[in-house]
N, C-alpha and C. Protein backbone atom coordinates (compact mmCIF):
# COMPACT_ATOMS: atom_id res chain seq x y z
N MET A 1 197.88 167.74 110.64
CA MET A 1 199.26 167.65 111.09
C MET A 1 199.40 166.64 112.22
N TYR A 2 198.40 166.62 113.13
CA TYR A 2 198.43 165.72 114.27
C TYR A 2 198.54 164.25 113.83
N GLU A 3 197.75 163.89 112.83
CA GLU A 3 197.77 162.50 112.34
C GLU A 3 199.13 162.14 111.74
N TRP A 4 199.77 163.07 111.04
CA TRP A 4 201.09 162.81 110.47
C TRP A 4 202.14 162.65 111.57
N LEU A 5 202.01 163.44 112.62
CA LEU A 5 202.93 163.27 113.76
C LEU A 5 202.76 161.89 114.40
N LYS A 6 201.50 161.45 114.50
CA LYS A 6 201.24 160.12 115.05
C LYS A 6 201.87 159.04 114.19
N VAL A 7 201.72 159.16 112.89
CA VAL A 7 202.32 158.20 111.95
C VAL A 7 203.84 158.20 112.10
N ALA A 8 204.44 159.37 112.12
CA ALA A 8 205.90 159.47 112.26
C ALA A 8 206.36 158.88 113.59
N HIS A 9 205.61 159.15 114.66
CA HIS A 9 205.97 158.63 115.98
C HIS A 9 205.92 157.10 115.98
N LEU A 10 204.87 156.53 115.43
CA LEU A 10 204.72 155.07 115.44
C LEU A 10 205.76 154.38 114.56
N ILE A 11 205.98 154.89 113.35
CA ILE A 11 206.95 154.26 112.46
C ILE A 11 208.35 154.33 113.07
N SER A 12 208.73 155.49 113.56
CA SER A 12 210.06 155.62 114.13
C SER A 12 210.18 154.81 115.43
N LEU A 13 209.11 154.70 116.18
CA LEU A 13 209.12 153.87 117.39
C LEU A 13 209.34 152.39 117.04
N PHE A 14 208.64 151.91 116.02
CA PHE A 14 208.81 150.51 115.59
C PHE A 14 210.25 150.26 115.13
N LEU A 15 210.81 151.20 114.38
CA LEU A 15 212.19 151.05 113.92
C LEU A 15 213.17 151.10 115.09
N TRP A 16 212.93 151.97 116.05
CA TRP A 16 213.80 152.09 117.22
C TRP A 16 213.80 150.79 118.03
N ILE A 17 212.62 150.31 118.37
CA ILE A 17 212.51 149.10 119.18
C ILE A 17 213.04 147.90 118.40
N GLY A 18 212.72 147.82 117.13
CA GLY A 18 213.24 146.73 116.30
C GLY A 18 214.77 146.75 116.26
N GLY A 19 215.34 147.95 116.17
CA GLY A 19 216.79 148.08 116.19
C GLY A 19 217.39 147.64 117.51
N LEU A 20 216.75 148.00 118.63
CA LEU A 20 217.24 147.57 119.94
C LEU A 20 217.21 146.05 120.05
N PHE A 21 216.12 145.44 119.56
CA PHE A 21 216.03 143.98 119.58
C PHE A 21 217.16 143.36 118.76
N ALA A 22 217.36 143.87 117.55
CA ALA A 22 218.38 143.31 116.67
C ALA A 22 219.78 143.47 117.28
N ILE A 23 220.08 144.64 117.78
CA ILE A 23 221.40 144.88 118.38
C ILE A 23 221.63 143.94 119.56
N TYR A 24 220.64 143.81 120.41
CA TYR A 24 220.79 142.95 121.58
C TYR A 24 221.15 141.52 121.16
N TRP A 25 220.40 140.97 120.22
CA TRP A 25 220.62 139.57 119.84
C TRP A 25 221.90 139.39 119.03
N ILE A 26 222.28 140.36 118.23
CA ILE A 26 223.55 140.25 117.51
C ILE A 26 224.72 140.30 118.50
N LEU A 27 224.62 141.16 119.51
CA LEU A 27 225.67 141.20 120.53
C LEU A 27 225.76 139.87 121.28
N ARG A 28 224.61 139.25 121.54
CA ARG A 28 224.63 137.94 122.21
C ARG A 28 225.33 136.90 121.34
N LEU A 29 225.08 136.96 120.03
CA LEU A 29 225.73 136.01 119.12
C LEU A 29 227.21 136.34 118.95
N HIS A 30 227.53 137.61 118.98
CA HIS A 30 228.90 138.08 118.78
C HIS A 30 229.85 137.45 119.80
N VAL A 31 229.40 137.30 121.02
CA VAL A 31 230.22 136.73 122.09
C VAL A 31 230.70 135.32 121.73
N HIS A 32 229.86 134.56 121.06
CA HIS A 32 230.16 133.16 120.74
C HIS A 32 230.69 132.96 119.33
N ALA A 33 230.78 134.03 118.55
CA ALA A 33 231.23 133.91 117.16
C ALA A 33 232.74 133.74 117.08
N PRO A 34 233.20 133.08 116.02
CA PRO A 34 234.65 132.96 115.85
C PRO A 34 235.28 134.32 115.57
N ALA A 35 236.55 134.46 115.94
CA ALA A 35 237.25 135.74 115.80
C ALA A 35 237.27 136.24 114.36
N THR A 36 237.16 135.35 113.39
CA THR A 36 237.22 135.77 111.98
C THR A 36 236.03 136.63 111.56
N VAL A 37 234.92 136.56 112.27
CA VAL A 37 233.73 137.34 111.88
C VAL A 37 233.47 138.53 112.81
N HIS A 38 234.33 138.74 113.79
CA HIS A 38 234.10 139.83 114.75
C HIS A 38 234.02 141.19 114.07
N GLU A 39 234.88 141.43 113.12
CA GLU A 39 234.88 142.74 112.44
C GLU A 39 233.59 142.94 111.66
N LYS A 40 233.13 141.90 110.97
CA LYS A 40 231.88 142.01 110.21
C LYS A 40 230.69 142.22 111.14
N LEU A 41 230.68 141.52 112.25
CA LEU A 41 229.59 141.71 113.21
C LEU A 41 229.59 143.12 113.79
N THR A 42 230.77 143.63 114.06
CA THR A 42 230.87 145.00 114.59
C THR A 42 230.35 146.01 113.58
N LEU A 43 230.67 145.83 112.31
CA LEU A 43 230.15 146.73 111.27
C LEU A 43 228.63 146.65 111.19
N MET A 44 228.10 145.43 111.28
CA MET A 44 226.65 145.25 111.25
C MET A 44 226.01 145.92 112.47
N GLU A 45 226.59 145.73 113.62
CA GLU A 45 226.05 146.33 114.85
C GLU A 45 226.07 147.86 114.75
N ARG A 46 227.14 148.40 114.23
CA ARG A 46 227.24 149.86 114.10
C ARG A 46 226.22 150.40 113.11
N SER A 47 226.00 149.67 112.02
CA SER A 47 225.02 150.11 111.02
C SER A 47 223.61 150.13 111.60
N ILE A 48 223.26 149.05 112.28
CA ILE A 48 221.93 148.99 112.89
C ILE A 48 221.81 150.06 113.98
N ALA A 49 222.87 150.26 114.75
CA ALA A 49 222.84 151.27 115.82
C ALA A 49 222.64 152.67 115.26
N MET A 50 223.24 152.97 114.12
CA MET A 50 223.06 154.29 113.51
C MET A 50 221.59 154.49 113.11
N ALA A 51 221.01 153.47 112.50
CA ALA A 51 219.59 153.56 112.13
C ALA A 51 218.72 153.68 113.38
N THR A 52 219.09 152.96 114.42
CA THR A 52 218.35 153.02 115.68
C THR A 52 218.45 154.41 116.32
N ASP A 53 219.63 155.02 116.25
CA ASP A 53 219.80 156.38 116.76
C ASP A 53 218.88 157.36 116.03
N LEU A 54 218.82 157.24 114.70
CA LEU A 54 217.97 158.13 113.91
C LEU A 54 216.50 157.90 114.23
N ALA A 55 216.11 156.63 114.36
CA ALA A 55 214.71 156.31 114.68
C ALA A 55 214.34 156.82 116.07
N CYS A 56 215.25 156.69 117.03
CA CYS A 56 215.02 157.18 118.39
C CYS A 56 214.81 158.70 118.37
N THR A 57 215.66 159.39 117.65
CA THR A 57 215.56 160.84 117.54
C THR A 57 214.23 161.25 116.92
N ALA A 58 213.85 160.57 115.84
CA ALA A 58 212.58 160.88 115.17
C ALA A 58 211.39 160.59 116.08
N ALA A 59 211.46 159.49 116.83
CA ALA A 59 210.36 159.14 117.75
C ALA A 59 210.21 160.21 118.83
N ILE A 60 211.31 160.68 119.34
CA ILE A 60 211.26 161.70 120.39
C ILE A 60 210.72 163.02 119.84
N ILE A 61 211.22 163.43 118.68
CA ILE A 61 210.75 164.69 118.08
C ILE A 61 209.25 164.62 117.77
N ALA A 62 208.82 163.51 117.15
CA ALA A 62 207.39 163.37 116.82
C ALA A 62 206.56 163.29 118.11
N GLY A 63 207.07 162.62 119.14
CA GLY A 63 206.35 162.52 120.41
C GLY A 63 206.18 163.87 121.07
N VAL A 64 207.23 164.67 121.07
CA VAL A 64 207.14 166.03 121.64
C VAL A 64 206.15 166.85 120.81
N GLY A 65 206.19 166.66 119.50
CA GLY A 65 205.22 167.35 118.64
C GLY A 65 203.79 166.97 118.98
N LEU A 66 203.56 165.68 119.25
CA LEU A 66 202.21 165.23 119.63
C LEU A 66 201.75 165.85 120.94
N ILE A 67 202.68 165.99 121.87
CA ILE A 67 202.33 166.56 123.17
C ILE A 67 201.87 168.01 123.02
N PHE A 68 202.58 168.77 122.19
CA PHE A 68 202.30 170.20 122.08
C PHE A 68 201.46 170.57 120.86
N ALA A 69 200.98 169.58 120.09
CA ALA A 69 200.19 169.86 118.90
C ALA A 69 198.76 170.26 119.22
N GLN A 70 198.33 170.02 120.42
CA GLN A 70 196.95 170.33 120.80
C GLN A 70 196.93 171.47 121.81
N THR A 71 195.79 172.13 121.87
CA THR A 71 195.61 173.20 122.85
C THR A 71 194.45 172.82 123.74
N PRO A 72 194.60 172.74 125.05
CA PRO A 72 195.86 172.82 125.77
C PRO A 72 196.70 171.59 125.51
N ASN A 73 198.02 171.72 125.72
CA ASN A 73 198.90 170.59 125.45
C ASN A 73 198.60 169.44 126.42
N LEU A 74 199.14 168.26 126.11
CA LEU A 74 198.81 167.07 126.90
C LEU A 74 199.25 167.17 128.36
N PHE A 75 200.29 167.95 128.64
CA PHE A 75 200.71 168.12 130.03
C PHE A 75 199.68 168.92 130.83
N ALA A 76 198.99 169.82 130.17
CA ALA A 76 198.07 170.72 130.86
C ALA A 76 196.68 170.12 131.05
N ARG A 77 196.40 169.01 130.43
CA ARG A 77 195.06 168.41 130.52
C ARG A 77 194.93 167.55 131.77
N PRO A 78 193.81 167.63 132.44
CA PRO A 78 193.62 166.77 133.61
C PRO A 78 193.46 165.31 133.18
N GLY A 79 193.88 164.40 134.04
CA GLY A 79 193.72 162.98 133.76
C GLY A 79 194.77 162.39 132.84
N ASN A 80 195.88 163.10 132.66
CA ASN A 80 196.93 162.58 131.78
C ASN A 80 198.15 162.07 132.55
N GLY A 81 197.90 161.49 133.71
CA GLY A 81 198.98 160.88 134.48
C GLY A 81 199.65 159.74 133.73
N TRP A 82 198.88 159.08 132.85
CA TRP A 82 199.44 158.00 132.03
C TRP A 82 200.60 158.50 131.18
N LEU A 83 200.51 159.73 130.69
CA LEU A 83 201.58 160.29 129.86
C LEU A 83 202.86 160.46 130.67
N HIS A 84 202.72 160.89 131.91
CA HIS A 84 203.89 161.05 132.77
C HIS A 84 204.56 159.71 133.05
N ILE A 85 203.75 158.68 133.26
CA ILE A 85 204.30 157.34 133.47
C ILE A 85 205.01 156.86 132.21
N LYS A 86 204.38 157.06 131.06
CA LYS A 86 204.98 156.64 129.79
C LYS A 86 206.33 157.33 129.59
N LEU A 87 206.37 158.63 129.78
CA LEU A 87 207.62 159.37 129.56
C LEU A 87 208.69 158.97 130.57
N THR A 88 208.29 158.68 131.79
CA THR A 88 209.25 158.23 132.81
C THR A 88 209.87 156.89 132.40
N VAL A 89 209.04 155.99 131.89
CA VAL A 89 209.55 154.68 131.46
C VAL A 89 210.48 154.84 130.26
N VAL A 90 210.15 155.74 129.34
CA VAL A 90 211.05 155.99 128.20
C VAL A 90 212.39 156.52 128.72
N LEU A 91 212.33 157.49 129.63
CA LEU A 91 213.56 158.12 130.13
C LEU A 91 214.38 157.20 131.03
N LEU A 92 213.74 156.35 131.82
CA LEU A 92 214.48 155.50 132.76
C LEU A 92 214.63 154.06 132.29
N GLY A 93 213.88 153.68 131.24
CA GLY A 93 213.94 152.30 130.76
C GLY A 93 214.58 152.18 129.40
N LEU A 94 213.96 152.76 128.38
CA LEU A 94 214.45 152.57 127.01
C LEU A 94 215.72 153.35 126.69
N LEU A 95 215.76 154.63 127.04
CA LEU A 95 216.95 155.42 126.69
C LEU A 95 218.23 154.90 127.34
N PRO A 96 218.21 154.51 128.63
CA PRO A 96 219.44 153.94 129.20
C PRO A 96 219.85 152.63 128.53
N MET A 97 218.88 151.79 128.17
CA MET A 97 219.22 150.52 127.50
C MET A 97 219.82 150.80 126.12
N HIS A 98 219.28 151.80 125.44
CA HIS A 98 219.83 152.22 124.16
C HIS A 98 221.29 152.62 124.33
N GLY A 99 221.55 153.44 125.33
CA GLY A 99 222.92 153.89 125.59
C GLY A 99 223.85 152.75 125.97
N MET A 100 223.35 151.82 126.77
CA MET A 100 224.18 150.68 127.17
C MET A 100 224.51 149.78 125.99
N LEU A 101 223.56 149.58 125.10
CA LEU A 101 223.84 148.78 123.91
C LEU A 101 224.86 149.47 123.02
N ARG A 102 224.73 150.80 122.90
CA ARG A 102 225.72 151.56 122.10
C ARG A 102 227.11 151.44 122.72
N ALA A 103 227.21 151.53 124.03
CA ALA A 103 228.51 151.41 124.71
C ALA A 103 229.08 150.01 124.51
N LYS A 104 228.23 149.01 124.54
CA LYS A 104 228.68 147.64 124.35
C LYS A 104 229.22 147.45 122.92
N ILE A 105 228.56 148.05 121.95
CA ILE A 105 229.05 147.99 120.56
C ILE A 105 230.44 148.61 120.47
N LYS A 106 230.64 149.73 121.12
CA LYS A 106 231.94 150.40 121.10
C LYS A 106 233.01 149.49 121.72
N ARG A 107 232.69 148.89 122.87
CA ARG A 107 233.66 147.99 123.52
C ARG A 107 233.95 146.76 122.66
N PHE A 108 232.93 146.21 122.02
CA PHE A 108 233.15 145.05 121.14
C PHE A 108 234.07 145.44 119.99
N GLY A 109 233.86 146.65 119.46
CA GLY A 109 234.72 147.14 118.37
C GLY A 109 236.16 147.31 118.80
N GLN A 110 236.39 147.53 120.08
CA GLN A 110 237.76 147.66 120.61
C GLN A 110 238.35 146.31 121.01
N GLY A 111 237.59 145.24 120.77
CA GLY A 111 238.07 143.91 121.11
C GLY A 111 237.74 143.46 122.51
N LYS A 112 237.03 144.28 123.27
CA LYS A 112 236.65 143.92 124.65
C LYS A 112 235.29 143.23 124.61
N ILE A 113 235.30 141.96 124.28
CA ILE A 113 234.07 141.21 124.08
C ILE A 113 233.73 140.45 125.36
N THR A 114 232.67 140.89 125.99
CA THR A 114 232.18 140.25 127.21
C THR A 114 230.70 139.96 127.05
N PRO A 115 230.18 138.96 127.73
CA PRO A 115 228.75 138.64 127.60
C PRO A 115 227.87 139.83 127.98
N ILE A 116 226.74 139.89 127.32
CA ILE A 116 225.76 140.95 127.59
C ILE A 116 224.73 140.40 128.57
N GLY A 117 224.32 141.21 129.52
CA GLY A 117 223.40 140.76 130.56
C GLY A 117 221.99 140.49 130.06
N ASN A 118 221.40 139.42 130.56
CA ASN A 118 220.00 139.10 130.23
C ASN A 118 219.05 140.17 130.75
N TRP A 119 219.45 140.86 131.80
CA TRP A 119 218.59 141.86 132.41
C TRP A 119 218.29 143.01 131.45
N ILE A 120 219.18 143.27 130.49
CA ILE A 120 218.92 144.35 129.52
C ILE A 120 217.69 143.99 128.69
N TRP A 121 217.60 142.75 128.26
CA TRP A 121 216.44 142.29 127.50
C TRP A 121 215.17 142.44 128.33
N THR A 122 215.26 142.07 129.60
CA THR A 122 214.10 142.17 130.49
C THR A 122 213.65 143.62 130.64
N VAL A 123 214.58 144.53 130.84
CA VAL A 123 214.23 145.94 131.00
C VAL A 123 213.57 146.48 129.73
N ILE A 124 214.08 146.10 128.57
CA ILE A 124 213.49 146.56 127.31
C ILE A 124 212.05 146.04 127.19
N LEU A 125 211.84 144.75 127.45
CA LEU A 125 210.50 144.17 127.32
C LEU A 125 209.52 144.74 128.34
N VAL A 126 209.95 144.91 129.58
CA VAL A 126 209.07 145.48 130.60
C VAL A 126 208.73 146.92 130.25
N SER A 127 209.71 147.68 129.76
CA SER A 127 209.47 149.07 129.38
C SER A 127 208.44 149.15 128.26
N ILE A 128 208.60 148.32 127.25
CA ILE A 128 207.66 148.34 126.12
C ILE A 128 206.26 147.94 126.59
N THR A 129 206.19 146.97 127.48
CA THR A 129 204.89 146.53 128.00
C THR A 129 204.19 147.66 128.75
N ILE A 130 204.92 148.32 129.64
CA ILE A 130 204.32 149.42 130.42
C ILE A 130 203.89 150.55 129.50
N ILE A 131 204.73 150.90 128.54
CA ILE A 131 204.39 151.98 127.61
C ILE A 131 203.14 151.64 126.82
N THR A 132 203.05 150.42 126.33
CA THR A 132 201.89 150.00 125.54
C THR A 132 200.62 150.05 126.40
N ILE A 133 200.70 149.56 127.62
CA ILE A 133 199.53 149.60 128.51
C ILE A 133 199.13 151.06 128.78
N MET A 134 200.09 151.92 129.02
CA MET A 134 199.77 153.32 129.30
C MET A 134 199.13 154.01 128.11
N VAL A 135 199.61 153.72 126.91
CA VAL A 135 199.05 154.37 125.72
C VAL A 135 197.64 153.87 125.43
N ILE A 136 197.43 152.56 125.57
CA ILE A 136 196.13 152.00 125.21
C ILE A 136 195.11 152.12 126.34
N ARG A 137 195.48 151.77 127.56
CA ARG A 137 194.54 151.76 128.68
C ARG A 137 194.66 152.98 129.58
N GLY A 138 195.81 153.66 129.52
CA GLY A 138 196.06 154.78 130.41
C GLY A 138 195.01 155.87 130.41
N PRO A 139 194.59 156.35 129.23
CA PRO A 139 193.58 157.41 129.24
C PRO A 139 192.30 157.02 129.98
N ALA A 140 191.88 155.78 129.85
CA ALA A 140 190.67 155.34 130.56
C ALA A 140 190.95 155.15 132.05
N MET A 141 192.15 154.65 132.39
CA MET A 141 192.48 154.40 133.80
C MET A 141 192.64 155.70 134.58
N PHE A 142 193.11 156.75 133.92
CA PHE A 142 193.38 158.01 134.61
C PHE A 142 192.29 159.06 134.40
N ALA A 143 191.26 158.71 133.67
CA ALA A 143 190.18 159.67 133.42
C ALA A 143 189.45 159.98 134.72
N LYS A 144 189.10 161.23 134.88
CA LYS A 144 188.34 161.65 136.05
C LYS A 144 186.90 161.16 135.88
N PRO A 145 186.34 160.54 136.92
CA PRO A 145 184.96 160.07 136.79
C PRO A 145 184.00 161.26 136.66
N VAL A 146 183.01 161.09 135.83
CA VAL A 146 182.01 162.13 135.64
C VAL A 146 181.00 162.01 136.77
N PRO A 147 180.82 163.09 137.55
CA PRO A 147 179.86 163.00 138.67
C PRO A 147 178.44 162.84 138.14
N THR A 148 177.72 161.94 138.77
CA THR A 148 176.30 161.78 138.41
C THR A 148 175.46 162.37 139.52
N SER A 149 174.44 163.05 139.12
CA SER A 149 173.58 163.66 140.13
C SER A 149 172.26 162.90 140.15
N ALA A 150 171.57 163.00 141.28
CA ALA A 150 170.30 162.30 141.43
C ALA A 150 169.27 162.85 140.45
N ALA A 151 169.43 164.12 140.08
CA ALA A 151 168.46 164.74 139.18
C ALA A 151 168.63 164.23 137.75
N ILE A 152 169.83 163.81 137.42
CA ILE A 152 170.07 163.36 136.06
C ILE A 152 170.26 161.85 136.10
N GLN A 153 169.20 161.14 135.95
CA GLN A 153 169.25 159.69 135.94
C GLN A 153 168.97 159.21 134.52
N PRO A 154 169.74 158.24 134.07
CA PRO A 154 169.44 157.73 132.73
C PRO A 154 168.08 157.03 132.75
N THR A 155 167.35 157.22 131.69
CA THR A 155 166.04 156.58 131.60
C THR A 155 166.24 155.14 131.17
N PRO A 156 165.53 154.22 131.79
CA PRO A 156 165.68 152.82 131.40
C PRO A 156 165.14 152.61 130.00
N PRO A 157 165.70 151.67 129.28
CA PRO A 157 165.19 151.43 127.93
C PRO A 157 163.75 150.92 128.00
N THR A 158 162.95 151.34 127.05
CA THR A 158 161.56 150.92 127.02
C THR A 158 161.40 149.78 126.06
N MET A 159 160.44 148.92 126.38
CA MET A 159 160.15 147.80 125.50
C MET A 159 159.20 148.30 124.43
N ASP A 160 159.42 147.84 123.23
CA ASP A 160 158.47 148.19 122.17
C ASP A 160 157.16 147.46 122.47
N PRO A 161 156.08 148.20 122.31
CA PRO A 161 154.79 147.52 122.55
C PRO A 161 154.59 146.39 121.53
N ALA A 162 153.89 145.38 121.98
CA ALA A 162 153.62 144.27 121.08
C ALA A 162 152.74 144.76 119.94
N PRO A 163 152.99 144.23 118.76
CA PRO A 163 152.16 144.68 117.64
C PRO A 163 150.70 144.27 117.87
N ALA A 164 149.83 145.13 117.42
CA ALA A 164 148.39 144.86 117.58
C ALA A 164 148.01 143.66 116.72
N PRO A 165 147.12 142.81 117.26
CA PRO A 165 146.70 141.65 116.44
C PRO A 165 145.91 142.13 115.25
N ARG A 166 145.95 141.39 114.17
CA ARG A 166 145.25 141.79 112.94
C ARG A 166 143.99 141.06 112.77
């Protein structure tokens, strides 16, 4: 079950982030598009946003499942500070950007077309970068060092003796 949750989390995450990228760039183009295509662009933005909403929901559900699929759960394990950082970045970085893009789509649909800030793109990219680093390197960075004692010293590798002459 754990592996299936991982697959669901990754696929839905890719769809969510891909949808955020697409929405951001379509909104940037929408500002400069002729008025004759505004309605079509709004329909496209809404369609992608709906798929992005579903992917976001699936990513969150699968992620929560991954956290609690093991005993003890990931919150209860020592050395999992990386998970807290990852979740904080999702909550303070990706979810607000998702909401802001959705609000911008609504305003564009009402005819209130204003440029979208470059900073939204930056926040999305920085969030994804931090999350990726935490998932890949975080467990090693936050792992508790294993104490070594003087009594338990690794034995140095031995050289194979030279073969006897024949």
